[in-house]
Amino acid sequence: MNSNASLDIQRDVSEAEWRLRVDLAACYRLVARYGWDDLIFTHISARVPGPEHHFLINPYGLMFDEITASSLVKVDLDGHKVFDSPYDINPAGFVIHSAIHAARDDALCVLHVHSVNGVAVSAQEAGLLPLSQHSMGVLCSLAYHDYEGVALNDDEKPRLVRDLGDKRFLMLRNHGLLTVGRSVAEAFVGMYFFEAACMMQIRAQAGGTPLRHIPQAILDDAPRQFATVTRGAGGNLAWPALLRKLDRSEPDYKR
């Protein structure tokens, strides 16, 4: 998208929406950097401030390291574009994200990936195990959803919403990982811990020796500990640092 188009969109949306677009574009770039993207086949969405229940999602066909603030597609809960865009949206992404945005007022951002480690753990019967410090903050708010095929059917939405409940982390069996955040920052930092915990589990299991589980008493105190370390689990420390890193190397995400 050219710079004139970027200026047009920035002029036509609220200041709050533009800030959200910049954060969401940054999130796509960071997902690509960390290797969690799956070509063009995963998705991150953010709900636009206001009563209309509009949300932003990736233009289907762009690699994540190509996405900019102005290229994001704005749609309603029925999947209709709110602004003209030359791009379609991923239909599976729409089913998953629209279901969660409609059901959860706190779901400002929904981040879904098909990371290799996440899919590997999602295929294990026991799911995520309490093996690492990274796993503790996830386990205290983790739900599971059984695989029903590619998420194209609206009739899966009630089961997806039911299984997620009020949790922040969802393991989609045989499929991947999903986080819900009160901000883009919270969803991203949550995914960092989720994917890292899965990677550590796969590597620990590959060692072929008995594994030590973190005691339940320590797991019970995990929410307090992680809220302290992450300043309320919102990524308030990590996110600005990540944006500074992007600004140094690929500032065009803000276009």
C-alpha atoms as a PDB file:
ATOM      1  CA  MET A   1       0.000   0.000   0.000  1.00  0.00           C
ATOM      2  CA  ASN A   2       1.470   3.337  -0.992  1.00  0.00           C
ATOM      3  CA  SER A   3       2.151   6.228   1.368  1.00  0.00           C
ATOM      4  CA  ASN A   4      -0.803   8.249   0.075  1.00  0.00           C
ATOM      5  CA  ALA A   5      -3.192   5.415   0.927  1.00  0.00           C
ATOM      6  CA  SER A   6      -1.634   5.259   4.382  1.00  0.00           C
ATOM      7  CA  LEU A   7      -2.242   8.959   4.927  1.00  0.00           C
ATOM      8  CA  ASP A   8      -5.832   8.601   3.711  1.00  0.00           C
ATOM      9  CA  ILE A   9      -6.605   5.836   6.204  1.00  0.00           C
ATOM     10  CA  GLN A  10      -4.903   7.634   9.080  1.00  0.00           C
ATOM     11  CA  ARG A  11      -6.977  10.718   8.289  1.00  0.00           C
ATOM     12  CA  ASP A  12     -10.218   8.741   8.108  1.00  0.00           C
ATOM     13  CA  VAL A  13      -9.947   6.834  11.393  1.00  0.00           C
ATOM     14  CA  SER A  14      -9.824   7.962  15.010  1.00  0.00           C
ATOM     15  CA  GLU A  15      -6.548   8.523  16.795  1.00  0.00           C
ATOM     16  CA  ALA A  16      -7.319   5.522  19.015  1.00  0.00           C
ATOM     17  CA  GLU A  17      -7.879   3.275  15.996  1.00  0.00           C
ATOM     18  CA  TRP A  18      -4.657   4.410  14.364  1.00  0.00           C
ATOM     19  CA  ARG A  19      -2.673   3.633  17.533  1.00  0.00           C
ATOM     20  CA  LEU A  20      -4.309   0.202  17.590  1.00  0.00           C
ATOM     21  CA  ARG A  21      -3.420  -0.336  13.917  1.00  0.00           C
ATOM     22  CA  VAL A  22       0.214   0.505  14.622  1.00  0.00           C
ATOM     23  CA  ASP A  23       0.334  -1.901  17.592  1.00  0.00           C
ATOM     24  CA  LEU A  24      -1.323  -4.689  15.615  1.00  0.00           C
ATOM     25  CA  ALA A  25       0.988  -4.224  12.625  1.00  0.00           C
ATOM     26  CA  ALA A  26       3.924  -4.362  15.049  1.00  0.00           C
ATOM     27  CA  CYS A  27       2.540  -7.591  16.489  1.00  0.00           C
ATOM     28  CA  TYR A  28       2.434  -9.188  13.037  1.00  0.00           C
ATOM     29  CA  ARG A  29       6.029  -8.160  12.401  1.00  0.00           C
ATOM     30  CA  LEU A  30       7.145  -9.568  15.751  1.00  0.00           C
ATOM     31  CA  VAL A  31       5.335 -12.862  15.175  1.00  0.00           C
ATOM     32  CA  ALA A  32       7.286 -13.164  11.913  1.00  0.00           C
ATOM     33  CA  ARG A  33      10.533 -12.323  13.686  1.00  0.00           C
ATOM     34  CA  TYR A  34      10.008 -15.003  16.299  1.00  0.00           C
ATOM     35  CA  GLY A  35       9.194 -17.582  13.612  1.00  0.00           C
ATOM     36  CA  TRP A  36       5.612 -18.223  14.721  1.00  0.00           C
ATOM     37  CA  ASP A  37       4.054 -17.329  11.366  1.00  0.00           C
ATOM     38  CA  ASP A  38       2.903 -20.125   9.065  1.00  0.00           C
ATOM     39  CA  LEU A  39       3.400 -18.480   5.669  1.00  0.00           C
ATOM     40  CA  ILE A  40       0.117 -16.476   5.470  1.00  0.00           C
ATOM     41  CA  PHE A  41      -2.146 -18.950   7.285  1.00  0.00           C
ATOM     42  CA  THR A  42      -2.512 -17.639  10.826  1.00  0.00           C
ATOM     43  CA  HIS A  43      -4.082 -14.477  12.147  1.00  0.00           C
ATOM     44  CA  ILE A  44      -4.161 -11.824  14.839  1.00  0.00           C
ATOM     45  CA  SER A  45      -7.119  -9.519  15.369  1.00  0.00           C
ATOM     46  CA  ALA A  46      -7.843  -6.448  17.463  1.00  0.00           C
ATOM     47  CA  ARG A  47     -11.199  -4.908  18.315  1.00  0.00           C
ATOM     48  CA  VAL A  48     -11.577  -1.274  17.297  1.00  0.00           C
ATOM     49  CA  PRO A  49     -12.668   1.050  20.137  1.00  0.00           C
ATOM     50  CA  GLY A  50     -16.333   1.986  19.913  1.00  0.00           C
ATOM     51  CA  PRO A  51     -19.776   0.383  20.022  1.00  0.00           C
ATOM     52  CA  GLU A  52     -19.779  -1.011  16.477  1.00  0.00           C
ATOM     53  CA  HIS A  53     -17.957  -4.313  17.191  1.00  0.00           C
ATOM     54  CA  HIS A  54     -15.537  -3.815  14.327  1.00  0.00           C
ATOM     55  CA  PHE A  55     -12.161  -5.466  14.354  1.00  0.00           C
ATOM     56  CA  LEU A  56      -8.906  -5.418  12.401  1.00  0.00           C
ATOM     57  CA  ILE A  57      -7.329  -8.510  10.871  1.00  0.00           C
ATOM     58  CA  ASN A  58      -4.586  -9.280   8.391  1.00  0.00           C
ATOM     59  CA  PRO A  59      -4.967  -8.874   4.643  1.00  0.00           C
ATOM     60  CA  TYR A  60      -5.040 -12.455   3.363  1.00  0.00           C
ATOM     61  CA  GLY A  61      -2.098 -12.999   1.065  1.00  0.00           C
ATOM     62  CA  LEU A  62       0.488 -10.725   2.673  1.00  0.00           C
ATOM     63  CA  MET A  63       3.384 -12.204   4.607  1.00  0.00           C
ATOM     64  CA  PHE A  64       3.454 -11.031   8.191  1.00  0.00           C
ATOM     65  CA  ASP A  65       6.636  -9.006   7.631  1.00  0.00           C
ATOM     66  CA  GLU A  66       4.810  -7.038   4.915  1.00  0.00           C
ATOM     67  CA  ILE A  67       1.860  -5.930   7.027  1.00  0.00           C
ATOM     68  CA  THR A  68       1.491  -2.245   7.856  1.00  0.00           C
ATOM     69  CA  ALA A  69      -0.958  -0.230   9.931  1.00  0.00           C
ATOM     70  CA  SER A  70      -2.848   0.934   6.850  1.00  0.00           C
ATOM     71  CA  SER A  71      -3.016  -2.480   5.139  1.00  0.00           C
ATOM     72  CA  LEU A  72      -5.005  -4.112   7.968  1.00  0.00           C
ATOM     73  CA  VAL A  73      -8.582  -4.975   6.974  1.00  0.00           C
ATOM     74  CA  LYS A  74     -11.438  -3.613   9.076  1.00  0.00           C
ATOM     75  CA  VAL A  75     -14.497  -5.880   9.255  1.00  0.00           C
ATOM     76  CA  ASP A  76     -17.688  -6.303  11.273  1.00  0.00           C
ATOM     77  CA  LEU A  77     -18.773  -9.446  13.106  1.00  0.00           C
ATOM     78  CA  ASP A  78     -20.438 -10.736   9.924  1.00  0.00           C
ATOM     79  CA  GLY A  79     -17.176 -10.510   7.989  1.00  0.00           C
ATOM     80  CA  HIS A  80     -18.178  -7.511   5.889  1.00  0.00           C
ATOM     81  CA  LYS A  81     -15.446  -4.992   5.145  1.00  0.00           C
ATOM     82  CA  VAL A  82     -15.991  -1.634   6.793  1.00  0.00           C
ATOM     83  CA  PHE A  83     -13.384   0.086   4.597  1.00  0.00           C
ATOM     84  CA  ASP A  84     -12.620  -0.809   1.002  1.00  0.00           C
ATOM     85  CA  SER A  85      -9.576  -3.041   0.721  1.00  0.00           C
ATOM     86  CA  PRO A  86      -8.041  -4.931  -2.203  1.00  0.00           C
ATOM     87  CA  TYR A  87      -7.524  -7.890   0.135  1.00  0.00           C
ATOM     88  CA  ASP A  88      -9.756 -10.641   1.431  1.00  0.00           C
ATOM     89  CA  ILE A  89      -9.564 -12.069   4.937  1.00  0.00           C
ATOM     90  CA  ASN A  90      -8.814 -15.628   5.986  1.00  0.00           C
ATOM     91  CA  PRO A  91     -12.231 -17.325   6.424  1.00  0.00           C
ATOM     92  CA  ALA A  92     -10.941 -19.625   9.161  1.00  0.00           C
ATOM     93  CA  GLY A  93      -9.451 -16.649  10.937  1.00  0.00           C
ATOM     94  CA  PHE A  94     -12.784 -14.895  10.808  1.00  0.00           C
ATOM     95  CA  VAL A  95     -14.684 -17.797  12.402  1.00  0.00           C
ATOM     96  CA  ILE A  96     -12.270 -18.112  15.325  1.00  0.00           C
ATOM     97  CA  HIS A  97     -11.741 -14.433  15.974  1.00  0.00           C
ATOM     98  CA  SER A  98     -15.296 -13.214  15.496  1.00  0.00           C
ATOM     99  CA  ALA A  99     -16.556 -15.849  17.950  1.00  0.00           C
ATOM    100  CA  ILE A 100     -14.170 -14.727  20.689  1.00  0.00           C
ATOM    101  CA  HIS A 101     -14.565 -10.992  20.094  1.00  0.00           C
ATOM    102  CA  ALA A 102     -18.358 -11.343  20.239  1.00  0.00           C
ATOM    103  CA  ALA A 103     -18.284 -13.347  23.473  1.00  0.00           C
ATOM    104  CA  ARG A 104     -15.533 -11.659  25.492  1.00  0.00           C
ATOM    105  CA  ASP A 105     -15.606  -7.953  26.310  1.00  0.00           C
ATOM    106  CA  ASP A 106     -12.011  -8.209  27.512  1.00  0.00           C
ATOM    107  CA  ALA A 107     -10.806  -9.702  24.210  1.00  0.00           C
ATOM    108  CA  LEU A 108      -9.322  -6.603  22.648  1.00  0.00           C
ATOM    109  CA  CYS A 109      -6.705  -8.755  20.895  1.00  0.00           C
ATOM    110  CA  VAL A 110      -6.874 -12.411  19.844  1.00  0.00           C
ATOM    111  CA  LEU A 111      -3.595 -13.967  18.682  1.00  0.00           C
ATOM    112  CA  HIS A 112      -3.518 -17.406  17.026  1.00  0.00           C
ATOM    113  CA  VAL A 113      -0.443 -19.246  15.714  1.00  0.00           C
ATOM    114  CA  HIS A 114       0.498 -22.648  14.316  1.00  0.00           C
ATOM    115  CA  SER A 115       3.962 -22.694  15.898  1.00  0.00           C
ATOM    116  CA  VAL A 116       5.815 -26.000  15.555  1.00  0.00           C
ATOM    117  CA  ASN A 117       6.323 -26.433  19.306  1.00  0.00           C
ATOM    118  CA  GLY A 118       2.765 -25.403  20.102  1.00  0.00           C
ATOM    119  CA  VAL A 119       1.256 -27.861  17.631  1.00  0.00           C
ATOM    120  CA  ALA A 120       3.548 -30.611  18.920  1.00  0.00           C
ATOM    121  CA  VAL A 121       2.383 -30.124  22.503  1.00  0.00           C
ATOM    122  CA  SER A 122      -1.248 -29.740  21.410  1.00  0.00           C
ATOM    123  CA  ALA A 123      -0.996 -33.266  19.962  1.00  0.00           C
ATOM    124  CA  GLN A 124       0.098 -34.722  23.322  1.00  0.00           C
ATOM    125  CA  GLU A 125      -2.687 -36.181  25.431  1.00  0.00           C
ATOM    126  CA  ALA A 126      -1.458 -34.492  28.615  1.00  0.00           C
ATOM    127  CA  GLY A 127      -1.107 -31.089  26.962  1.00  0.00           C
ATOM    128  CA  LEU A 128       1.103 -28.492  28.607  1.00  0.00           C
ATOM    129  CA  LEU A 129       2.998 -29.812  31.632  1.00  0.00           C
ATOM    130  CA  PRO A 130       4.336 -27.844  34.639  1.00  0.00           C
ATOM    131  CA  LEU A 131       7.977 -28.259  33.677  1.00  0.00           C
ATOM    132  CA  SER A 132       9.282 -24.698  33.450  1.00  0.00           C
ATOM    133  CA  GLN A 133       8.871 -21.279  34.997  1.00  0.00           C
ATOM    134  CA  HIS A 134       7.430 -20.144  31.665  1.00  0.00           C
ATOM    135  CA  SER A 135       4.656 -22.724  31.911  1.00  0.00           C
ATOM    136  CA  MET A 136       3.411 -21.476  35.287  1.00  0.00           C
ATOM    137  CA  GLY A 137       1.782 -18.280  34.063  1.00  0.00           C
ATOM    138  CA  VAL A 138       0.062 -20.175  31.261  1.00  0.00           C
ATOM    139  CA  LEU A 139      -1.242 -23.091  33.331  1.00  0.00           C
ATOM    140  CA  CYS A 140      -3.119 -20.817  35.702  1.00  0.00           C
ATOM    141  CA  SER A 141      -5.384 -19.643  32.834  1.00  0.00           C
ATOM    142  CA  LEU A 142      -5.301 -22.434  30.235  1.00  0.00           C
ATOM    143  CA  ALA A 143      -8.181 -24.114  28.380  1.00  0.00           C
ATOM    144  CA  TYR A 144      -8.346 -26.747  25.616  1.00  0.00           C
ATOM    145  CA  HIS A 145     -10.508 -27.097  22.505  1.00  0.00           C
ATOM    146  CA  ASP A 146     -10.708 -30.360  20.540  1.00  0.00           C
ATOM    147  CA  TYR A 147      -9.918 -30.334  16.844  1.00  0.00           C
ATOM    148  CA  GLU A 148     -12.940 -30.193  14.519  1.00  0.00           C
ATOM    149  CA  GLY A 149     -11.127 -29.629  11.223  1.00  0.00           C
ATOM    150  CA  VAL A 150     -10.294 -26.297   9.613  1.00  0.00           C
ATOM    151  CA  ALA A 151     -12.396 -23.685  11.416  1.00  0.00           C
ATOM    152  CA  LEU A 152     -14.811 -22.784   8.631  1.00  0.00           C
ATOM    153  CA  ASN A 153     -18.190 -23.595  10.187  1.00  0.00           C
ATOM    154  CA  ASP A 154     -20.139 -21.182  12.348  1.00  0.00           C
ATOM    155  CA  ASP A 155     -21.579 -24.063  14.361  1.00  0.00           C
ATOM    156  CA  GLU A 156     -18.148 -24.548  15.980  1.00  0.00           C
ATOM    157  CA  LYS A 157     -18.303 -21.069  17.535  1.00  0.00           C
ATOM    158  CA  PRO A 158     -20.390 -21.973  20.637  1.00  0.00           C
ATOM    159  CA  ARG A 159     -18.084 -24.874  21.499  1.00  0.00           C
ATOM    160  CA  LEU A 160     -14.988 -22.712  20.985  1.00  0.00           C
ATOM    161  CA  VAL A 161     -16.399 -19.999  23.242  1.00  0.00           C
ATOM    162  CA  ARG A 162     -17.552 -22.558  25.835  1.00  0.00           C
ATOM    163  CA  ASP A 163     -14.144 -24.231  25.981  1.00  0.00           C
ATOM    164  CA  LEU A 164     -12.267 -20.942  26.256  1.00  0.00           C
ATOM    165  CA  GLY A 165     -14.549 -19.673  29.038  1.00  0.00           C
ATOM    166  CA  ASP A 166     -12.840 -16.847  30.902  1.00  0.00           C
ATOM    167  CA  LYS A 167      -9.293 -18.114  30.268  1.00  0.00           C
ATOM    168  CA  ARG A 168      -6.489 -16.169  28.581  1.00  0.00           C
ATOM    169  CA  PHE A 169      -4.760 -19.139  26.909  1.00  0.00           C
ATOM    170  CA  LEU A 170      -6.337 -21.730  24.619  1.00  0.00           C
ATOM    171  CA  MET A 171      -4.618 -24.825  23.258  1.00  0.00           C
ATOM    172  CA  LEU A 172      -6.358 -25.875  20.065  1.00  0.00           C
ATOM    173  CA  ARG A 173      -5.769 -29.630  19.966  1.00  0.00           C
ATOM    174  CA  ASN A 174      -3.749 -30.816  16.932  1.00  0.00           C
ATOM    175  CA  HIS A 175      -3.860 -27.237  15.674  1.00  0.00           C
ATOM    176  CA  GLY A 176      -1.995 -24.561  17.616  1.00  0.00           C
ATOM    177  CA  LEU A 177      -2.045 -21.881  20.293  1.00  0.00           C
ATOM    178  CA  LEU A 178      -4.266 -18.886  21.006  1.00  0.00           C
ATOM    179  CA  THR A 179      -4.050 -16.024  23.478  1.00  0.00           C
ATOM    180  CA  VAL A 180      -6.615 -13.402  24.473  1.00  0.00           C
ATOM    181  CA  GLY A 181      -5.391 -10.010  25.631  1.00  0.00           C
ATOM    182  CA  ARG A 182      -6.802  -6.811  27.032  1.00  0.00           C
ATOM    183  CA  SER A 183      -4.253  -5.182  24.740  1.00  0.00           C
ATOM    184  CA  VAL A 184      -2.093  -6.223  21.798  1.00  0.00           C
ATOM    185  CA  ALA A 185       0.872  -6.152  24.161  1.00  0.00           C
ATOM    186  CA  GLU A 186      -0.773  -8.567  26.595  1.00  0.00           C
ATOM    187  CA  ALA A 187      -1.712 -11.029  23.843  1.00  0.00           C
ATOM    188  CA  PHE A 188       1.812 -10.981  22.406  1.00  0.00           C
ATOM    189  CA  VAL A 189       3.660 -11.349  25.703  1.00  0.00           C
ATOM    190  CA  GLY A 190       1.261 -14.136  26.650  1.00  0.00           C
ATOM    191  CA  MET A 191       2.059 -15.934  23.398  1.00  0.00           C
ATOM    192  CA  TYR A 192       5.764 -15.535  24.050  1.00  0.00           C
ATOM    193  CA  PHE A 193       5.415 -17.443  27.329  1.00  0.00           C
ATOM    194  CA  PHE A 194       3.009 -19.991  25.807  1.00  0.00           C
ATOM    195  CA  GLU A 195       5.262 -20.882  22.875  1.00  0.00           C
ATOM    196  CA  ALA A 196       8.414 -20.830  25.016  1.00  0.00           C
ATOM    197  CA  ALA A 197       6.810 -23.209  27.519  1.00  0.00           C
ATOM    198  CA  CYS A 198       5.927 -25.589  24.685  1.00  0.00           C
ATOM    199  CA  MET A 199       9.454 -25.429  23.267  1.00  0.00           C
ATOM    200  CA  MET A 200      10.970 -26.165  26.665  1.00  0.00           C
ATOM    201  CA  GLN A 201       8.606 -29.102  27.150  1.00  0.00           C
ATOM    202  CA  ILE A 202       9.525 -30.664  23.793  1.00  0.00           C
ATOM    203  CA  ARG A 203      13.243 -30.272  24.520  1.00  0.00           C
ATOM    204  CA  ALA A 204      12.931 -31.633  28.050  1.00  0.00           C
ATOM    205  CA  GLN A 205      11.026 -34.664  26.763  1.00  0.00           C
ATOM    206  CA  ALA A 206      13.683 -35.228  24.101  1.00  0.00           C
ATOM    207  CA  GLY A 207      16.269 -35.742  26.848  1.00  0.00           C
ATOM    208  CA  GLY A 208      14.789 -39.162  27.569  1.00  0.00           C
ATOM    209  CA  THR A 209      15.124 -38.970  31.356  1.00  0.00           C
ATOM    210  CA  PRO A 210      12.421 -38.602  34.055  1.00  0.00           C
ATOM    211  CA  LEU A 211      10.964 -35.091  34.269  1.00  0.00           C
ATOM    212  CA  ARG A 212      10.499 -32.998  37.415  1.00  0.00           C
ATOM    213  CA  HIS A 213       7.110 -31.265  37.683  1.00  0.00           C
ATOM    214  CA  ILE A 214       6.747 -27.952  39.511  1.00  0.00           C
ATOM    215  CA  PRO A 215       4.859 -28.552  42.795  1.00  0.00           C
ATOM    216  CA  GLN A 216       1.194 -27.545  42.913  1.00  0.00           C
ATOM    217  CA  ALA A 217       1.767 -25.121  45.802  1.00  0.00           C
ATOM    218  CA  ILE A 218       4.085 -23.075  43.593  1.00  0.00           C
ATOM    219  CA  LEU A 219       1.689 -23.232  40.648  1.00  0.00           C
ATOM    220  CA  ASP A 220      -1.106 -21.919  42.881  1.00  0.00           C
ATOM    221  CA  ASP A 221       0.891 -18.726  43.495  1.00  0.00           C
ATOM    222  CA  ALA A 222       1.805 -18.247  39.836  1.00  0.00           C
ATOM    223  CA  PRO A 223      -0.856 -15.599  39.014  1.00  0.00           C
ATOM    224  CA  ARG A 224       0.459 -13.259  41.706  1.00  0.00           C
ATOM    225  CA  GLN A 225       4.077 -13.822  40.757  1.00  0.00           C
ATOM    226  CA  PHE A 226       3.555 -13.235  37.052  1.00  0.00           C
ATOM    227  CA  ALA A 227       1.361 -10.176  37.602  1.00  0.00           C
ATOM    228  CA  THR A 228       4.217  -8.709  39.650  1.00  0.00           C
ATOM    229  CA  VAL A 229       6.947  -9.515  37.118  1.00  0.00           C
ATOM    230  CA  THR A 230       5.016  -8.409  34.024  1.00  0.00           C
ATOM    231  CA  ARG A 231       3.358  -5.365  35.664  1.00  0.00           C
ATOM    232  CA  GLY A 232      -0.129  -6.840  35.573  1.00  0.00           C
ATOM    233  CA  ALA A 233       0.521  -9.324  32.734  1.00  0.00           C
ATOM    234  CA  GLY A 234       0.105  -6.519  30.222  1.00  0.00           C
ATOM    235  CA  GLY A 235       3.566  -6.480  28.767  1.00  0.00           C
ATOM    236  CA  ASN A 236       4.016  -2.890  29.901  1.00  0.00           C
ATOM    237  CA  LEU A 237       7.778  -3.284  30.112  1.00  0.00           C
ATOM    238  CA  ALA A 238       8.475  -5.689  27.260  1.00  0.00           C
ATOM    239  CA  TRP A 239       6.175  -4.146  24.641  1.00  0.00           C
ATOM    240  CA  PRO A 240       7.777  -0.671  24.464  1.00  0.00           C
ATOM    241  CA  ALA A 241      11.188  -2.350  24.210  1.00  0.00           C
ATOM    242  CA  LEU A 242       9.958  -4.557  21.369  1.00  0.00           C
ATOM    243  CA  LEU A 243       8.593  -1.512  19.539  1.00  0.00           C
ATOM    244  CA  ARG A 244      11.962   0.216  19.885  1.00  0.00           C
ATOM    245  CA  LYS A 245      13.602  -2.829  18.326  1.00  0.00           C
ATOM    246  CA  LEU A 246      11.202  -2.682  15.376  1.00  0.00           C
ATOM    247  CA  ASP A 247      11.717   1.063  15.007  1.00  0.00           C
ATOM    248  CA  ARG A 248      15.448   0.485  14.565  1.00  0.00           C
ATOM    249  CA  SER A 249      15.140  -2.142  11.828  1.00  0.00           C
ATOM    250  CA  GLU A 250      11.737  -1.988  10.105  1.00  0.00           C
ATOM    251  CA  PRO A 251       9.890   1.235  10.968  1.00  0.00           C
ATOM    252  CA  ASP A 252       7.666   0.907   7.891  1.00  0.00           C
ATOM    253  CA  TYR A 253       5.168  -1.118   9.968  1.00  0.00           C
ATOM    254  CA  LYS A 254       3.782   2.278  11.024  1.00  0.00           C
ATOM    255  CA  ARG A 255       2.755   3.222   7.475  1.00  0.00           C
END
